[in-house]
Structures are given as structure tokens and as C-alpha cells.
Amino acid sequence: MVCYDWAERALKCGYPERFAMENMGHNSKAVHRAYAKRAQTKIPSLEEYELLAEGSLQTATLQSGNTSG
């Protein structure tokens, strides 16, 4: 169960899939996605993502769900 928990945590915090796959010791996206399938994620709005791309919004702000500051 450790693999499932770790993969879910990685997905939830936005850890890049390729890094997670390497850390878990496999190179199959299908296997990784099976491990992470129960993860709850927050998907930023397009506006939030554009601000992130511009450098106007910190990654931590998106992850915490707090966009008011």
C-alpha cells in the first residue's frame, strides 16, 4: 500500500508524473496512474494557470487553494 499512498500524495501536490515514475522505479504511465487513481486533486482555473505561467502566482498558492493574496 505504500506505493499507492506515495503516488496519490505525489499527484495531489502536483509532483511531475515523470519524476514520480522514476522515484517509484517504473517507466509505465499506466502503472503509475493505477497507483495514483484515488488521489483528489485541485485543478487550477485557466486564469490561475496563466498567472502561474507569467510568474505572478506562486505554486504554493495553487496547491493550498488560497488565491486571495
N, C-alpha and C. Protein backbone atom coordinates (compact mmCIF):
# COMPACT_ATOMS: atom_id res chain seq x y z
N MET A 1 0.80 -1.20 0.00
CA MET A 1 0.00 0.00 0.00
C MET A 1 0.85 1.27 0.00
N VAL A 2 2.11 1.17 0.35
CA VAL A 2 2.97 2.35 0.38
C VAL A 2 3.05 2.99 -0.99
N CYS A 3 3.15 2.20 -2.05
CA CYS A 3 3.23 2.76 -3.41
C CYS A 3 1.99 3.57 -3.75
N TYR A 4 0.82 3.04 -3.41
CA TYR A 4 -0.42 3.75 -3.69
C TYR A 4 -0.47 5.08 -2.94
N ASP A 5 -0.15 5.05 -1.66
CA ASP A 5 -0.17 6.26 -0.85
C ASP A 5 0.80 7.31 -1.39
N TRP A 6 2.00 6.88 -1.72
CA TRP A 6 3.01 7.80 -2.22
C TRP A 6 2.57 8.41 -3.55
N ALA A 7 2.08 7.57 -4.46
CA ALA A 7 1.65 8.05 -5.78
C ALA A 7 0.49 9.03 -5.65
N GLU A 8 -0.43 8.76 -4.74
CA GLU A 8 -1.55 9.66 -4.52
C GLU A 8 -1.08 11.01 -3.97
N ARG A 9 -0.15 10.97 -3.03
CA ARG A 9 0.41 12.21 -2.48
C ARG A 9 1.11 13.01 -3.57
N ALA A 10 1.88 12.32 -4.41
CA ALA A 10 2.62 12.99 -5.49
C ALA A 10 1.66 13.68 -6.46
N LEU A 11 0.60 12.99 -6.84
CA LEU A 11 -0.36 13.56 -7.76
C LEU A 11 -1.09 14.74 -7.13
N LYS A 12 -1.48 14.58 -5.89
CA LYS A 12 -2.24 15.63 -5.20
C LYS A 12 -1.45 16.94 -5.09
N CYS A 13 -0.15 16.86 -4.88
CA CYS A 13 0.63 18.09 -4.72
C CYS A 13 1.19 18.60 -6.04
N GLY A 14 0.90 17.91 -7.14
CA GLY A 14 1.34 18.39 -8.44
C GLY A 14 2.74 17.95 -8.84
N TYR A 15 3.29 16.95 -8.14
CA TYR A 15 4.62 16.43 -8.47
C TYR A 15 4.59 15.91 -9.91
N PRO A 16 5.54 16.30 -10.75
CA PRO A 16 5.53 15.85 -12.15
C PRO A 16 5.51 14.32 -12.27
N GLU A 17 4.67 13.85 -13.17
CA GLU A 17 4.49 12.41 -13.33
C GLU A 17 5.80 11.69 -13.64
N ARG A 18 6.62 12.29 -14.48
CA ARG A 18 7.88 11.60 -14.84
C ARG A 18 8.80 11.45 -13.64
N PHE A 19 8.79 12.44 -12.71
CA PHE A 19 9.60 12.33 -11.51
C PHE A 19 9.05 11.24 -10.60
N ALA A 20 7.75 11.21 -10.47
CA ALA A 20 7.12 10.20 -9.61
C ALA A 20 7.39 8.80 -10.14
N MET A 21 7.29 8.64 -11.44
CA MET A 21 7.54 7.32 -12.04
C MET A 21 8.97 6.87 -11.76
N GLU A 22 9.91 7.78 -11.90
CA GLU A 22 11.31 7.42 -11.64
C GLU A 22 11.53 7.09 -10.17
N ASN A 23 10.95 7.89 -9.28
CA ASN A 23 11.10 7.63 -7.85
C ASN A 23 10.50 6.30 -7.45
N MET A 24 9.45 5.89 -8.14
CA MET A 24 8.80 4.62 -7.81
C MET A 24 9.47 3.44 -8.51
N GLY A 25 10.38 3.73 -9.42
CA GLY A 25 11.15 2.66 -10.06
C GLY A 25 10.47 2.00 -11.24
N HIS A 26 9.59 2.69 -11.91
CA HIS A 26 9.00 2.13 -13.11
C HIS A 26 8.88 3.21 -14.18
N ASN A 27 8.67 2.78 -15.43
CA ASN A 27 8.56 3.75 -16.51
C ASN A 27 7.26 3.59 -17.29
N SER A 28 6.26 3.04 -16.65
CA SER A 28 4.97 2.84 -17.28
C SER A 28 3.96 3.85 -16.74
N LYS A 29 3.44 4.70 -17.63
CA LYS A 29 2.43 5.67 -17.21
C LYS A 29 1.17 4.94 -16.73
N ALA A 30 0.84 3.83 -17.36
CA ALA A 30 -0.36 3.08 -16.96
C ALA A 30 -0.23 2.57 -15.53
N VAL A 31 0.93 2.05 -15.16
CA VAL A 31 1.14 1.56 -13.80
C VAL A 31 1.08 2.72 -12.82
N HIS A 32 1.75 3.82 -13.15
CA HIS A 32 1.75 4.97 -12.26
C HIS A 32 0.33 5.50 -12.05
N ARG A 33 -0.42 5.61 -13.10
CA ARG A 33 -1.79 6.14 -13.00
C ARG A 33 -2.69 5.19 -12.21
N ALA A 34 -2.44 3.91 -12.31
CA ALA A 34 -3.20 2.95 -11.50
C ALA A 34 -2.91 3.16 -10.02
N TYR A 35 -1.65 3.41 -9.68
CA TYR A 35 -1.29 3.68 -8.29
C TYR A 35 -1.94 4.96 -7.78
N ALA A 36 -2.02 5.97 -8.64
CA ALA A 36 -2.47 7.30 -8.21
C ALA A 36 -3.96 7.56 -8.43
N LYS A 37 -4.71 6.57 -8.86
CA LYS A 37 -6.08 6.82 -9.32
C LYS A 37 -7.04 7.35 -8.25
N ARG A 38 -6.78 7.11 -6.97
CA ARG A 38 -7.70 7.59 -5.92
C ARG A 38 -7.37 8.99 -5.44
N ALA A 39 -6.33 9.60 -5.95
CA ALA A 39 -5.90 10.92 -5.47
C ALA A 39 -6.95 11.99 -5.78
N GLN A 40 -7.15 12.88 -4.84
CA GLN A 40 -8.00 14.04 -5.02
C GLN A 40 -7.11 15.21 -5.41
N THR A 41 -7.40 15.87 -6.49
CA THR A 41 -6.56 16.97 -6.93
C THR A 41 -7.38 18.24 -7.11
N LYS A 42 -6.71 19.38 -7.00
CA LYS A 42 -7.33 20.67 -7.28
C LYS A 42 -6.79 21.13 -8.61
N ILE A 43 -7.66 21.32 -9.55
CA ILE A 43 -7.25 21.77 -10.87
C ILE A 43 -7.43 23.28 -10.90
N PRO A 44 -6.34 24.03 -11.15
CA PRO A 44 -6.46 25.48 -11.18
C PRO A 44 -7.27 25.94 -12.39
N SER A 45 -7.92 27.08 -12.26
CA SER A 45 -8.62 27.66 -13.40
C SER A 45 -7.59 28.07 -14.44
N LEU A 46 -8.06 28.31 -15.64
CA LEU A 46 -7.15 28.74 -16.70
C LEU A 46 -6.50 30.07 -16.32
N GLU A 47 -7.26 30.95 -15.68
CA GLU A 47 -6.73 32.24 -15.27
C GLU A 47 -5.59 32.06 -14.25
N GLU A 48 -5.79 31.18 -13.27
CA GLU A 48 -4.74 30.91 -12.29
C GLU A 48 -3.50 30.34 -12.97
N TYR A 49 -3.71 29.43 -13.91
CA TYR A 49 -2.59 28.79 -14.59
C TYR A 49 -1.83 29.81 -15.44
N GLU A 50 -2.56 30.73 -16.08
CA GLU A 50 -1.89 31.78 -16.87
C GLU A 50 -1.04 32.66 -15.96
N LEU A 51 -1.57 33.00 -14.78
CA LEU A 51 -0.79 33.80 -13.83
C LEU A 51 0.45 33.04 -13.38
N LEU A 52 0.30 31.75 -13.16
CA LEU A 52 1.44 30.92 -12.77
C LEU A 52 2.50 30.93 -13.87
N ALA A 53 2.05 30.79 -15.11
CA ALA A 53 2.99 30.79 -16.24
C ALA A 53 3.72 32.12 -16.37
N GLU A 54 3.04 33.20 -16.00
CA GLU A 54 3.66 34.53 -16.05
C GLU A 54 4.55 34.79 -14.84
N GLY A 55 4.47 33.93 -13.84
CA GLY A 55 5.26 34.11 -12.64
C GLY A 55 4.58 34.99 -11.60
N SER A 56 3.31 35.32 -11.84
CA SER A 56 2.59 36.20 -10.93
C SER A 56 1.96 35.46 -9.76
N LEU A 57 1.89 34.16 -9.84
CA LEU A 57 1.24 33.36 -8.81
C LEU A 57 2.20 32.27 -8.37
N GLN A 58 2.37 32.10 -7.09
CA GLN A 58 3.29 31.10 -6.56
C GLN A 58 2.64 29.71 -6.61
N THR A 59 3.43 28.68 -6.87
CA THR A 59 2.93 27.31 -6.90
C THR A 59 2.26 26.95 -5.58
N ALA A 60 2.84 27.37 -4.48
CA ALA A 60 2.27 27.05 -3.16
C ALA A 60 0.86 27.61 -3.02
N THR A 61 0.59 28.73 -3.64
CA THR A 61 -0.74 29.32 -3.56
C THR A 61 -1.75 28.41 -4.26
N LEU A 62 -1.39 27.88 -5.42
CA LEU A 62 -2.29 26.97 -6.12
C LEU A 62 -2.51 25.71 -5.32
N GLN A 63 -1.46 25.17 -4.75
CA GLN A 63 -1.57 23.91 -4.02
C GLN A 63 -2.41 24.07 -2.77
N SER A 64 -2.34 25.21 -2.12
CA SER A 64 -3.12 25.40 -0.90
C SER A 64 -4.56 25.75 -1.20
N GLY A 65 -4.82 26.14 -2.43
CA GLY A 65 -6.17 26.54 -2.80
C GLY A 65 -6.48 27.97 -2.41
N ASN A 66 -5.50 28.71 -1.92
CA ASN A 66 -5.71 30.09 -1.50
C ASN A 66 -5.20 31.01 -2.59
N THR A 67 -6.11 31.66 -3.30
CA THR A 67 -5.72 32.55 -4.39
C THR A 67 -6.02 34.00 -4.06
N SER A 68 -6.21 34.31 -2.79
CA SER A 68 -6.63 35.65 -2.41
C SER A 68 -5.46 36.55 -2.03
N GLY A 69 -4.26 36.26 -2.40
CA GLY A 69 -3.25 37.14 -1.88
C GLY A 69 -2.15 37.44 -2.71
